[in-house]
Amino acid sequence: MPDASQQRRSFLLNLASFYTSDALQFIVYLFLTPYLLHYLGKEQYGLLAVADSVLGYLGLLNMGLTPVLTRFVAASEAAEDRQRTVALLSTTLALFIALGTAGMLIAWGVAAHIDALFHLQAALVPACALFLALKGIEFAVATPLQIYAAGNYGIQNITTMNGIRGLTGLVDAIGGFAIVRLDLGMKSLAILALFNAVVAGLLNRQSLRRALPGLRLSLHRASRPIAGELLSYSAFFALDSVIVLIVFKTDEIVIAGAIGTAAVATYAIIGQASRAVMNGASRISSTLYPSYAALAQKQDFAELRRIFRRAMDGTLYVSAGFSVLFMAFVGQLVERWLSLPVGDVPRGIVWGLGGIILTAAPVSVASKYIAGVGIIRSVAVISIVEGASNLALSLLLVGRIGLTGVALGTLVSQALTTTWYNPGIALRHQGVSRPRFWIGRILRVGTVTLPTALMAMGLLRHWPEPAIWQLGVDLVVCALLHAACAGLAWRYWPDTGTAEATP
């Protein structure tokens, strides 16, 4: 078993691979989006976002099995039960082949009736129908291949998994620029996504077989009892998937119906940036997810408590800095980046999404812990409340204050539900005092973030209408200041409290 220093090095390497892959994906998005927006126009770019949102609902057919597979593989490998690992992977492969085929048929059905389902210009109907049909084929191919990435995640082969993700990001960038340059149309974007899914799946398969010598999957090794075990636990992950779709995918559909697809383009671009930032903030807890499952299998509750506290501190430091920088600079950066008129990006959207980045941080840490230790059933009801309230508030507010209302609907529903509830479930499982825990977190985060917020306000006042290079300098200066403050707090203000109770 690796010692503490080896475990720390492994964690840092895995975390760095997440951040490197995320940075690469974001750089691709940063450079590719203006070209696609100029090439497709706001109307077609908005249609692309709406189509992706509709296709996102096919993800419900996953039934939450991917994160369940990761958790179960981590536990079986911790118990050194390779036979169970093979059975888990083979069973999920059989399930995913069936579910992927079903998703493809649904996508084809939507494509065949797209003109009746959505208000599209007649000239755009054939291109959108073909795009949806090709994305359906991608779903059928990519869904079974997901098991190899989940397996790599479960055995903590995270660096390789993220390397493959980075490679496909580069392919996506090169292909996207070529599609714009050669004027190949929307169908080529779908073909590129299909190609990337196949490449990523095959590379993850090769990596997993190299990490687990002798691993051979077969549909004959699929087990009905294991399928029942996976599906019984995955129901709660499936519910969480529904909530994520309602929170992040329905927004575009609500806007398209209430305002129009051109407005979807603006919201989708800002929303994509905020989701990239949220992913970056949640990578600490994502890196620790297999460890939670392995430690729960070994009943090591003291170590579970320790890494949960440190994960919460680290994630809050990162997300608080991201939130301040997002609210201060992103609106103006997007306007200059896409050559939009000043004020074209409503500041209410930016502030709302910036708040979501901060309130999502404790949810991400707690949810990974809850899923890893196997108490996911505890959050089923609150997830339903969050999804329903987000949808209701978005529909209510979009007609009153436009795009800002959609962002505020998401922020308010999240802050009043899972942000306070999910961490409480995790802390109760650990036997930790919630008031003492949160007082410490609030003091730390407030102390670390205040200098960053003051610096951002001062720079924006000094340069009221900055050029894009000035905004870039401001952003870097504030980020460095926040990193220094967070580093000092991490090193010299640790949480030394311990919990006596045993879950």
Protein backbone atom coordinates (compact mmCIF):
# COMPACT_ATOMS: atom_id res chain seq x y z
CA MET A 1 0.00 0.00 0.00
CA PRO A 2 1.46 3.44 -0.90
CA ASP A 3 2.63 5.63 2.00
CA ALA A 4 1.29 9.12 2.74
CA SER A 5 3.84 10.95 0.58
CA GLN A 6 3.15 8.67 -2.40
CA GLN A 7 -0.59 9.18 -1.97
CA ARG A 8 -0.06 12.96 -1.86
CA ARG A 9 2.05 12.90 -5.01
CA SER A 10 -0.53 10.74 -6.78
CA PHE A 11 -3.34 13.08 -5.76
CA LEU A 12 -1.45 16.17 -6.93
CA LEU A 13 -0.54 14.52 -10.24
CA ASN A 14 -4.15 13.46 -10.84
CA LEU A 15 -5.44 16.92 -9.89
CA ALA A 16 -2.88 18.59 -12.15
CA SER A 17 -3.98 16.37 -15.03
CA PHE A 18 -7.59 17.46 -14.48
CA TYR A 19 -6.60 21.12 -14.51
CA THR A 20 -4.34 20.71 -17.54
CA SER A 21 -7.09 18.96 -19.47
CA ASP A 22 -9.66 21.57 -18.38
CA ALA A 23 -7.34 24.41 -19.38
CA LEU A 24 -6.80 22.86 -22.79
CA GLN A 25 -10.53 22.40 -23.31
CA PHE A 26 -11.17 26.00 -22.26
CA ILE A 27 -8.46 27.36 -24.57
CA VAL A 28 -10.04 25.43 -27.44
CA TYR A 29 -13.42 26.94 -26.53
CA LEU A 30 -11.86 30.39 -26.23
CA PHE A 31 -10.41 30.39 -29.72
CA LEU A 32 -13.02 28.30 -31.54
CA THR A 33 -16.21 30.02 -30.36
CA PRO A 34 -15.70 33.36 -32.20
CA TYR A 35 -15.07 31.48 -35.45
CA LEU A 36 -18.17 29.31 -35.02
CA LEU A 37 -20.31 32.27 -34.01
CA HIS A 38 -19.17 34.27 -37.04
CA TYR A 39 -19.54 31.25 -39.32
CA LEU A 40 -22.97 30.08 -38.14
CA GLY A 41 -24.42 33.42 -37.05
CA LYS A 42 -26.33 33.97 -33.81
CA GLU A 43 -29.47 32.24 -35.08
CA GLN A 44 -27.75 28.99 -36.07
CA TYR A 45 -25.39 29.06 -33.08
CA GLY A 46 -28.44 29.34 -30.85
CA LEU A 47 -30.05 26.45 -32.72
CA LEU A 48 -26.91 24.40 -32.13
CA ALA A 49 -27.16 25.13 -28.39
CA VAL A 50 -30.85 24.18 -28.34
CA ALA A 51 -30.12 20.97 -30.25
CA ASP A 52 -27.36 20.08 -27.80
CA SER A 53 -29.78 20.69 -24.93
CA VAL A 54 -32.37 18.41 -26.50
CA LEU A 55 -29.72 15.75 -27.10
CA GLY A 56 -28.52 16.18 -23.55
CA TYR A 57 -31.76 14.61 -22.39
CA LEU A 58 -30.64 11.38 -24.00
CA GLY A 59 -28.13 11.30 -21.16
CA LEU A 60 -31.03 10.18 -18.95
CA LEU A 61 -30.75 6.80 -20.68
CA ASN A 62 -27.38 6.44 -18.97
CA MET A 63 -29.54 5.94 -15.84
CA GLY A 64 -26.71 7.16 -13.61
CA LEU A 65 -24.70 4.00 -14.29
CA THR A 66 -21.40 5.70 -15.17
CA PRO A 67 -20.65 7.18 -11.70
CA VAL A 68 -22.01 4.01 -10.09
CA LEU A 69 -19.61 1.92 -12.13
CA THR A 70 -16.71 4.16 -11.06
CA ARG A 71 -17.61 3.74 -7.40
CA PHE A 72 -18.13 -0.03 -7.61
CA VAL A 73 -14.89 -0.59 -9.54
CA ALA A 74 -12.97 1.48 -6.96
CA ALA A 75 -14.44 -0.64 -4.15
CA SER A 76 -13.83 -3.99 -5.90
CA GLU A 77 -10.22 -3.10 -6.69
CA ALA A 78 -9.70 -1.93 -3.08
CA ALA A 79 -10.91 -5.40 -2.04
CA GLU A 80 -8.63 -6.95 -4.73
CA ASP A 81 -11.60 -8.72 -6.31
CA ARG A 82 -10.69 -8.69 -10.01
CA GLN A 83 -13.41 -11.18 -10.91
CA ARG A 84 -16.06 -8.75 -9.64
CA THR A 85 -14.41 -5.91 -11.59
CA VAL A 86 -14.73 -7.90 -14.82
CA ALA A 87 -18.36 -8.76 -14.05
CA LEU A 88 -19.17 -5.10 -13.29
CA LEU A 89 -17.65 -3.85 -16.53
CA SER A 90 -19.16 -6.63 -18.67
CA THR A 91 -22.61 -6.13 -17.21
CA THR A 92 -22.51 -2.37 -17.74
CA LEU A 93 -21.29 -2.90 -21.31
CA ALA A 94 -24.37 -5.03 -22.05
CA LEU A 95 -26.67 -2.44 -20.50
CA PHE A 96 -25.04 0.44 -22.37
CA ILE A 97 -25.28 -1.27 -25.75
CA ALA A 98 -29.04 -1.53 -25.29
CA LEU A 99 -29.43 1.99 -23.89
CA GLY A 100 -27.22 3.52 -26.60
CA THR A 101 -29.32 1.90 -29.32
CA ALA A 102 -32.51 3.20 -27.71
CA GLY A 103 -31.06 6.72 -27.59
CA MET A 104 -30.13 6.60 -31.25
CA LEU A 105 -33.67 5.62 -32.23
CA ILE A 106 -35.13 8.45 -30.15
CA ALA A 107 -32.75 10.96 -31.77
CA TRP A 108 -33.78 9.72 -35.22
CA GLY A 109 -37.44 10.12 -34.29
CA VAL A 110 -36.87 13.72 -33.18
CA ALA A 111 -34.86 14.41 -36.36
CA ALA A 112 -37.70 13.08 -38.53
CA HIS A 113 -40.21 15.48 -36.94
CA ILE A 114 -37.98 18.43 -36.13
CA ASP A 115 -40.01 20.88 -38.19
CA ALA A 116 -43.14 20.06 -36.17
CA LEU A 117 -41.38 20.16 -32.78
CA PHE A 118 -39.48 23.44 -33.15
CA HIS A 119 -40.03 26.78 -34.85
CA LEU A 120 -37.22 26.77 -37.41
CA GLN A 121 -36.64 28.58 -40.64
CA ALA A 122 -37.52 26.21 -43.48
CA ALA A 123 -34.01 26.49 -44.94
CA LEU A 124 -32.46 25.30 -41.64
CA VAL A 125 -34.66 22.20 -41.14
CA PRO A 126 -32.63 19.72 -43.29
CA ALA A 127 -29.29 20.70 -41.70
CA CYS A 128 -30.67 20.49 -38.14
CA ALA A 129 -32.39 17.15 -38.84
CA LEU A 130 -29.17 15.65 -40.20
CA PHE A 131 -27.22 17.05 -37.25
CA LEU A 132 -29.58 15.36 -34.77
CA ALA A 133 -29.51 12.05 -36.68
CA LEU A 134 -25.69 11.99 -36.68
CA LYS A 135 -25.60 12.88 -32.98
CA GLY A 136 -27.89 9.92 -32.37
CA ILE A 137 -25.33 7.62 -33.99
CA GLU A 138 -22.65 9.21 -31.80
CA PHE A 139 -24.74 8.43 -28.72
CA ALA A 140 -25.13 4.78 -29.72
CA VAL A 141 -21.37 4.40 -30.24
CA ALA A 142 -20.09 6.52 -27.36
CA THR A 143 -22.36 5.14 -24.62
CA PRO A 144 -20.85 1.61 -24.45
CA LEU A 145 -17.34 3.05 -24.73
CA GLN A 146 -17.92 5.13 -21.58
CA ILE A 147 -17.28 2.10 -19.41
CA TYR A 148 -13.55 2.25 -20.12
CA ALA A 149 -13.20 5.85 -18.95
CA ALA A 150 -15.28 4.98 -15.86
CA GLY A 151 -13.00 2.01 -15.20
CA ASN A 152 -9.87 4.15 -15.48
CA TYR A 153 -11.45 6.67 -13.11
CA GLY A 154 -12.31 3.94 -10.62
CA ILE A 155 -8.76 2.54 -10.47
CA GLN A 156 -7.45 6.13 -10.23
CA ASN A 157 -5.77 5.96 -13.62
CA ILE A 158 -6.84 9.59 -13.84
CA THR A 159 -3.75 11.08 -15.48
CA THR A 160 -4.10 8.82 -18.52
CA MET A 161 -7.84 9.43 -18.70
CA ASN A 162 -7.29 13.20 -18.73
CA GLY A 163 -4.48 12.87 -21.26
CA ILE A 164 -6.92 11.20 -23.63
CA ARG A 165 -9.44 13.94 -22.93
CA GLY A 166 -6.83 16.57 -23.76
CA LEU A 167 -5.89 14.79 -26.99
CA THR A 168 -9.49 14.70 -28.19
CA GLY A 169 -9.76 18.39 -27.29
CA LEU A 170 -6.90 19.15 -29.66
CA VAL A 171 -8.55 17.07 -32.38
CA ASP A 172 -11.77 18.99 -31.76
CA ALA A 173 -9.95 22.32 -32.13
CA ILE A 174 -8.14 21.38 -35.33
CA GLY A 175 -11.29 19.84 -36.80
CA GLY A 176 -13.44 22.83 -35.82
CA PHE A 177 -11.12 25.31 -37.50
CA ALA A 178 -10.98 23.10 -40.61
CA ILE A 179 -14.78 22.88 -40.76
CA VAL A 180 -15.08 26.67 -40.65
CA ARG A 181 -12.25 27.15 -43.13
CA LEU A 182 -13.63 24.64 -45.64
CA ASP A 183 -17.30 25.61 -45.06
CA LEU A 184 -18.38 22.02 -44.32
CA GLY A 185 -21.51 22.87 -42.31
CA MET A 186 -23.19 21.61 -39.14
CA LYS A 187 -23.14 17.96 -40.18
CA SER A 188 -19.34 17.99 -40.06
CA LEU A 189 -19.44 19.14 -36.42
CA ALA A 190 -21.50 16.04 -35.60
CA ILE A 191 -19.14 13.76 -37.56
CA LEU A 192 -16.16 15.26 -35.71
CA ALA A 193 -17.85 14.56 -32.35
CA LEU A 194 -18.49 10.94 -33.41
CA PHE A 195 -14.85 10.51 -34.43
CA ASN A 196 -13.65 11.93 -31.11
CA ALA A 197 -15.95 9.63 -29.13
CA VAL A 198 -14.57 6.56 -30.90
CA VAL A 199 -10.94 7.63 -30.46
CA ALA A 200 -11.43 8.43 -26.75
CA GLY A 201 -13.23 5.14 -26.10
CA LEU A 202 -10.61 2.98 -27.80
CA LEU A 203 -7.72 4.76 -26.09
CA ASN A 204 -9.38 4.39 -22.67
CA ARG A 205 -9.97 0.70 -23.44
CA GLN A 206 -6.30 0.17 -24.24
CA SER A 207 -5.24 2.07 -21.11
CA LEU A 208 -7.55 0.08 -18.83
CA ARG A 209 -6.38 -3.27 -20.24
CA ARG A 210 -2.77 -2.20 -19.71
CA ALA A 211 -3.47 -1.17 -16.09
CA LEU A 212 -5.41 -4.39 -15.35
CA PRO A 213 -3.49 -7.17 -17.11
CA GLY A 214 -5.64 -10.05 -18.21
CA LEU A 215 -8.83 -7.97 -18.25
CA ARG A 216 -11.17 -9.41 -20.87
CA LEU A 217 -14.75 -8.23 -21.11
CA SER A 218 -17.49 -10.29 -22.68
CA LEU A 219 -21.26 -10.06 -22.86
CA HIS A 220 -21.30 -13.67 -21.65
CA ARG A 221 -19.82 -12.46 -18.36
CA ALA A 222 -22.72 -10.06 -17.78
CA SER A 223 -24.58 -10.95 -14.60
CA ARG A 224 -28.26 -10.37 -13.90
CA PRO A 225 -27.72 -10.03 -10.10
CA ILE A 226 -24.97 -7.46 -10.69
CA ALA A 227 -27.22 -5.61 -13.15
CA GLY A 228 -29.87 -5.45 -10.44
CA GLU A 229 -27.32 -4.22 -7.92
CA LEU A 230 -26.07 -1.50 -10.28
CA LEU A 231 -29.55 -0.35 -11.28
CA SER A 232 -30.87 -0.28 -7.71
CA TYR A 233 -28.07 2.05 -6.68
CA SER A 234 -27.99 4.03 -9.93
CA ALA A 235 -31.59 5.19 -9.54
CA PHE A 236 -30.39 8.00 -7.30
CA PHE A 237 -27.63 9.00 -9.71
CA ALA A 238 -30.22 8.97 -12.49
CA LEU A 239 -32.34 11.35 -10.44
CA ASP A 240 -29.31 13.61 -10.00
CA SER A 241 -28.82 13.52 -13.78
CA VAL A 242 -32.41 14.74 -14.23
CA ILE A 243 -31.71 17.66 -11.89
CA VAL A 244 -28.49 18.57 -13.70
CA LEU A 245 -30.36 18.55 -17.00
CA ILE A 246 -33.12 20.76 -15.60
CA VAL A 247 -30.59 23.17 -14.09
CA PHE A 248 -28.16 23.43 -17.02
CA LYS A 249 -29.99 22.26 -20.15
CA THR A 250 -33.54 23.51 -19.74
CA ASP A 251 -32.32 27.11 -19.49
CA GLU A 252 -31.56 27.23 -23.22
CA ILE A 253 -34.93 25.68 -24.10
CA VAL A 254 -36.80 28.14 -21.84
CA ILE A 255 -34.97 31.09 -23.43
CA ALA A 256 -35.61 29.80 -26.96
CA GLY A 257 -39.33 29.59 -26.25
CA ALA A 258 -39.62 32.92 -24.43
CA ILE A 259 -37.15 35.17 -26.25
CA GLY A 260 -35.67 33.42 -29.29
CA THR A 261 -32.65 31.44 -30.43
CA ALA A 262 -30.45 34.53 -30.89
CA ALA A 263 -30.74 35.16 -27.13
CA VAL A 264 -29.81 31.51 -26.52
CA ALA A 265 -26.44 32.16 -28.17
CA THR A 266 -25.54 34.91 -25.67
CA TYR A 267 -26.65 32.87 -22.67
CA ALA A 268 -25.01 29.68 -23.94
CA ILE A 269 -21.63 31.37 -24.39
CA ILE A 270 -21.63 32.89 -20.88
CA GLY A 271 -23.11 29.71 -19.41
CA GLN A 272 -20.45 27.54 -21.03
CA ALA A 273 -17.75 29.75 -19.52
CA SER A 274 -19.33 29.48 -16.06
CA ARG A 275 -19.63 25.69 -16.32
CA ALA A 276 -15.97 25.46 -17.31
CA VAL A 277 -15.08 27.50 -14.22
CA MET A 278 -17.32 25.33 -12.01
CA ASN A 279 -15.64 22.21 -13.35
CA GLY A 280 -12.28 23.69 -12.44
CA ALA A 281 -13.45 24.47 -8.92
CA SER A 282 -14.87 20.97 -8.41
CA ARG A 283 -11.80 19.06 -9.60
CA ILE A 284 -10.47 18.57 -6.07
CA SER A 285 -13.56 16.60 -5.06
CA SER A 286 -13.66 14.82 -8.44
CA THR A 287 -10.08 13.63 -7.93
CA LEU A 288 -10.96 12.27 -4.49
CA TYR A 289 -14.16 10.45 -5.54
CA PRO A 290 -12.53 7.00 -6.04
CA SER A 291 -10.66 7.48 -2.74
CA TYR A 292 -13.92 8.04 -0.86
CA ALA A 293 -15.27 4.75 -2.20
CA ALA A 294 -12.06 2.86 -1.38
CA LEU A 295 -11.83 4.33 2.15
CA ALA A 296 -15.50 3.55 2.82
CA GLN A 297 -14.84 -0.04 1.72
CA LYS A 298 -11.98 -0.18 4.28
CA GLN A 299 -14.05 1.58 6.99
CA ASP A 300 -11.34 4.26 7.46
CA PHE A 301 -13.62 7.02 8.77
CA ALA A 302 -10.89 9.16 10.30
CA GLU A 303 -9.21 9.56 6.92
CA LEU A 304 -12.59 10.22 5.28
CA ARG A 305 -13.21 13.10 7.68
CA ARG A 306 -9.75 14.54 7.14
CA ILE A 307 -9.79 14.59 3.36
CA PHE A 308 -13.38 15.89 3.29
CA ARG A 309 -12.37 18.94 5.36
CA ARG A 310 -9.35 19.64 3.21
CA ALA A 311 -11.33 19.11 0.01
CA MET A 312 -13.98 21.58 1.19
CA ASP A 313 -11.37 24.21 2.09
CA GLY A 314 -9.49 23.85 -1.19
CA THR A 315 -12.62 23.89 -3.32
CA LEU A 316 -14.06 26.94 -1.54
CA TYR A 317 -10.80 28.86 -1.93
CA VAL A 318 -10.67 28.11 -5.65
CA SER A 319 -14.36 28.71 -6.33
CA ALA A 320 -14.48 31.96 -4.33
CA GLY A 321 -11.63 33.35 -6.40
CA PHE A 322 -13.23 32.15 -9.64
CA SER A 323 -16.54 33.70 -8.60
CA VAL A 324 -15.05 37.14 -7.92
CA LEU A 325 -13.02 37.13 -11.14
CA PHE A 326 -16.03 35.93 -13.16
CA MET A 327 -18.34 38.65 -11.83
CA ALA A 328 -15.72 41.39 -12.23
CA PHE A 329 -14.30 40.69 -15.66
CA VAL A 330 -16.12 38.07 -17.73
CA GLY A 331 -18.92 40.26 -19.09
CA GLN A 332 -16.53 42.82 -20.57
CA LEU A 333 -14.13 40.13 -21.72
CA VAL A 334 -16.85 38.34 -23.67
CA GLU A 335 -18.00 41.56 -25.34
CA ARG A 336 -14.48 42.38 -26.49
CA TRP A 337 -13.63 38.77 -27.31
CA LEU A 338 -16.64 38.39 -29.61
CA SER A 339 -16.62 42.01 -30.81
CA LEU A 340 -20.08 42.63 -29.36
CA PRO A 341 -21.46 46.10 -28.51
CA VAL A 342 -20.70 47.34 -24.99
CA GLY A 343 -23.55 46.25 -22.70
CA ASP A 344 -24.69 43.46 -25.03
CA VAL A 345 -24.00 40.94 -22.24
CA PRO A 346 -26.36 41.80 -19.35
CA ARG A 347 -24.37 42.14 -16.13
CA GLY A 348 -27.19 40.44 -14.24
CA ILE A 349 -26.40 37.17 -16.04
CA VAL A 350 -22.72 37.46 -15.15
CA TRP A 351 -23.43 38.17 -11.49
CA GLY A 352 -26.01 35.39 -11.29
CA LEU A 353 -23.71 32.80 -12.85
CA GLY A 354 -20.84 34.03 -10.67
CA GLY A 355 -22.97 33.36 -7.61
CA ILE A 356 -23.77 29.89 -8.93
CA ILE A 357 -20.03 29.13 -9.15
CA LEU A 358 -19.65 29.86 -5.42
CA THR A 359 -22.82 28.14 -4.21
CA ALA A 360 -22.05 25.04 -6.31
CA ALA A 361 -18.70 24.47 -4.55
CA PRO A 362 -19.98 22.91 -1.29
CA VAL A 363 -22.51 20.87 -3.29
CA SER A 364 -19.77 19.36 -5.47
CA VAL A 365 -17.61 18.36 -2.50
CA ALA A 366 -20.49 16.95 -0.48
CA SER A 367 -22.08 15.12 -3.42
CA LYS A 368 -18.86 13.29 -4.29
CA TYR A 369 -18.50 12.25 -0.65
CA ILE A 370 -22.14 11.16 -0.40
CA ALA A 371 -21.87 9.13 -3.61
CA GLY A 372 -18.50 7.64 -2.68
CA VAL A 373 -19.53 6.37 0.76
CA GLY A 374 -22.88 5.10 -0.47
CA ILE A 375 -25.49 7.35 1.18
CA ILE A 376 -26.80 8.88 -2.06
CA ARG A 377 -30.40 8.02 -1.11
CA SER A 378 -30.29 10.79 1.50
CA VAL A 379 -30.34 13.54 -1.14
CA ALA A 380 -33.08 12.28 -3.45
CA VAL A 381 -35.92 14.53 -2.22
CA ILE A 382 -33.88 17.75 -2.05
CA SER A 383 -32.64 17.16 -5.61
CA ILE A 384 -36.24 17.00 -6.82
CA VAL A 385 -37.01 20.24 -4.97
CA GLU A 386 -33.99 21.97 -6.53
CA GLY A 387 -34.87 20.93 -10.07
CA ALA A 388 -38.54 21.83 -9.77
CA SER A 389 -37.86 25.20 -8.15
CA ASN A 390 -35.21 26.08 -10.73
CA LEU A 391 -37.57 25.34 -13.61
CA ALA A 392 -40.45 27.24 -12.00
CA LEU A 393 -38.35 30.30 -11.14
CA SER A 394 -36.73 30.40 -14.58
CA LEU A 395 -40.14 30.33 -16.30
CA LEU A 396 -41.47 32.99 -13.93
CA LEU A 397 -38.51 35.37 -14.12
CA VAL A 398 -37.58 35.08 -17.82
CA GLY A 399 -40.73 36.94 -18.76
CA ARG A 400 -40.04 39.69 -16.22
CA ILE A 401 -36.31 40.36 -16.41
CA GLY A 402 -35.21 38.33 -19.43
CA LEU A 403 -31.96 36.37 -19.45
CA THR A 404 -30.99 37.61 -15.98
CA GLY A 405 -34.11 35.94 -14.60
CA VAL A 406 -32.97 32.53 -15.86
CA ALA A 407 -29.60 32.91 -14.11
CA LEU A 408 -31.25 34.12 -10.90
CA GLY A 409 -33.72 31.23 -10.97
CA THR A 410 -30.82 28.77 -11.00
CA LEU A 411 -28.89 30.65 -8.29
CA VAL A 412 -31.76 31.03 -5.84
CA SER A 413 -33.01 27.45 -6.19
CA GLN A 414 -29.50 26.02 -5.72
CA ALA A 415 -28.58 28.27 -2.77
CA LEU A 416 -31.79 27.45 -0.88
CA THR A 417 -31.69 23.68 -1.46
CA THR A 418 -28.60 21.57 -2.13
CA THR A 419 -26.03 24.20 -1.07
CA TRP A 420 -27.09 23.95 2.55
CA TYR A 421 -28.59 20.44 2.58
CA ASN A 422 -25.99 18.19 0.91
CA PRO A 423 -23.00 19.26 3.06
CA GLY A 424 -25.17 18.78 6.12
CA ILE A 425 -25.80 15.15 5.15
CA ALA A 426 -22.06 14.55 4.72
CA LEU A 427 -21.20 16.19 8.05
CA ARG A 428 -23.89 14.25 9.89
CA HIS A 429 -22.48 11.02 8.45
CA GLN A 430 -19.05 12.01 9.81
CA GLY A 431 -20.35 13.05 13.24
CA VAL A 432 -19.04 16.61 12.77
CA SER A 433 -20.57 19.74 14.32
CA ARG A 434 -22.11 21.69 11.46
CA PRO A 435 -22.10 25.19 13.08
CA ARG A 436 -18.43 24.90 14.05
CA PHE A 437 -17.50 23.52 10.64
CA TRP A 438 -19.23 26.32 8.70
CA ILE A 439 -18.08 29.16 10.93
CA GLY A 440 -14.51 28.08 10.22
CA ARG A 441 -15.15 27.82 6.48
CA ILE A 442 -16.84 31.25 6.25
CA LEU A 443 -14.01 32.97 8.15
CA ARG A 444 -11.37 31.39 5.95
CA VAL A 445 -13.09 32.08 2.64
CA GLY A 446 -14.01 35.65 3.58
CA THR A 447 -10.47 36.47 4.69
CA VAL A 448 -8.92 34.97 1.56
CA THR A 449 -11.38 36.56 -0.90
CA LEU A 450 -11.60 40.12 0.47
CA PRO A 451 -8.22 41.30 -0.91
CA THR A 452 -9.09 39.88 -4.35
CA ALA A 453 -12.47 41.63 -4.43
CA LEU A 454 -10.96 44.97 -3.35
CA MET A 455 -8.19 44.69 -5.95
CA ALA A 456 -10.71 43.91 -8.72
CA MET A 457 -12.88 46.90 -7.75
CA GLY A 458 -9.85 49.19 -7.68
CA LEU A 459 -8.60 48.09 -11.09
CA LEU A 460 -12.02 48.44 -12.71
CA ARG A 461 -12.36 51.95 -11.26
CA HIS A 462 -8.88 52.86 -12.49
CA TRP A 463 -9.71 51.59 -16.02
CA PRO A 464 -13.48 52.16 -16.39
CA GLU A 465 -13.54 51.07 -20.07
CA PRO A 466 -10.45 48.85 -20.41
CA ALA A 467 -9.15 47.31 -23.60
CA ILE A 468 -9.04 43.53 -23.77
CA TRP A 469 -5.31 43.45 -22.94
CA GLN A 470 -5.97 45.61 -19.87
CA LEU A 471 -8.73 43.25 -18.76
CA GLY A 472 -6.32 40.35 -19.21
CA VAL A 473 -3.71 42.07 -17.04
CA ASP A 474 -6.32 42.85 -14.38
CA LEU A 475 -7.48 39.25 -14.38
CA VAL A 476 -3.95 37.86 -14.00
CA VAL A 477 -3.02 40.30 -11.22
CA CYS A 478 -6.17 39.49 -9.22
CA ALA A 479 -5.74 35.74 -9.79
CA LEU A 480 -2.14 35.85 -8.53
CA LEU A 481 -3.19 37.82 -5.46
CA HIS A 482 -5.96 35.35 -4.68
CA ALA A 483 -3.65 32.36 -5.21
CA ALA A 484 -1.13 33.87 -2.77
CA CYS A 485 -3.81 34.52 -0.11
CA ALA A 486 -5.29 31.03 -0.56
CA GLY A 487 -1.85 29.42 -0.37
CA LEU A 488 -1.06 31.20 2.90
CA ALA A 489 -4.41 30.22 4.41
CA TRP A 490 -3.99 26.61 3.25
CA ARG A 491 -0.59 26.34 4.89
CA TYR A 492 -0.96 28.41 8.06
CA TRP A 493 -4.69 28.19 8.84
CA PRO A 494 -5.49 24.47 8.76
CA ASP A 495 -8.57 22.94 10.37
CA THR A 496 -7.19 20.97 13.30
CA GLY A 497 -10.58 19.94 14.67
CA THR A 498 -11.38 16.24 14.89
CA ALA A 499 -14.65 14.36 15.14
CA GLU A 500 -15.14 11.82 17.87
CA ALA A 501 -18.27 10.18 16.56
CA THR A 502 -18.04 7.22 14.21
CA PRO A 503 -20.54 6.98 11.32
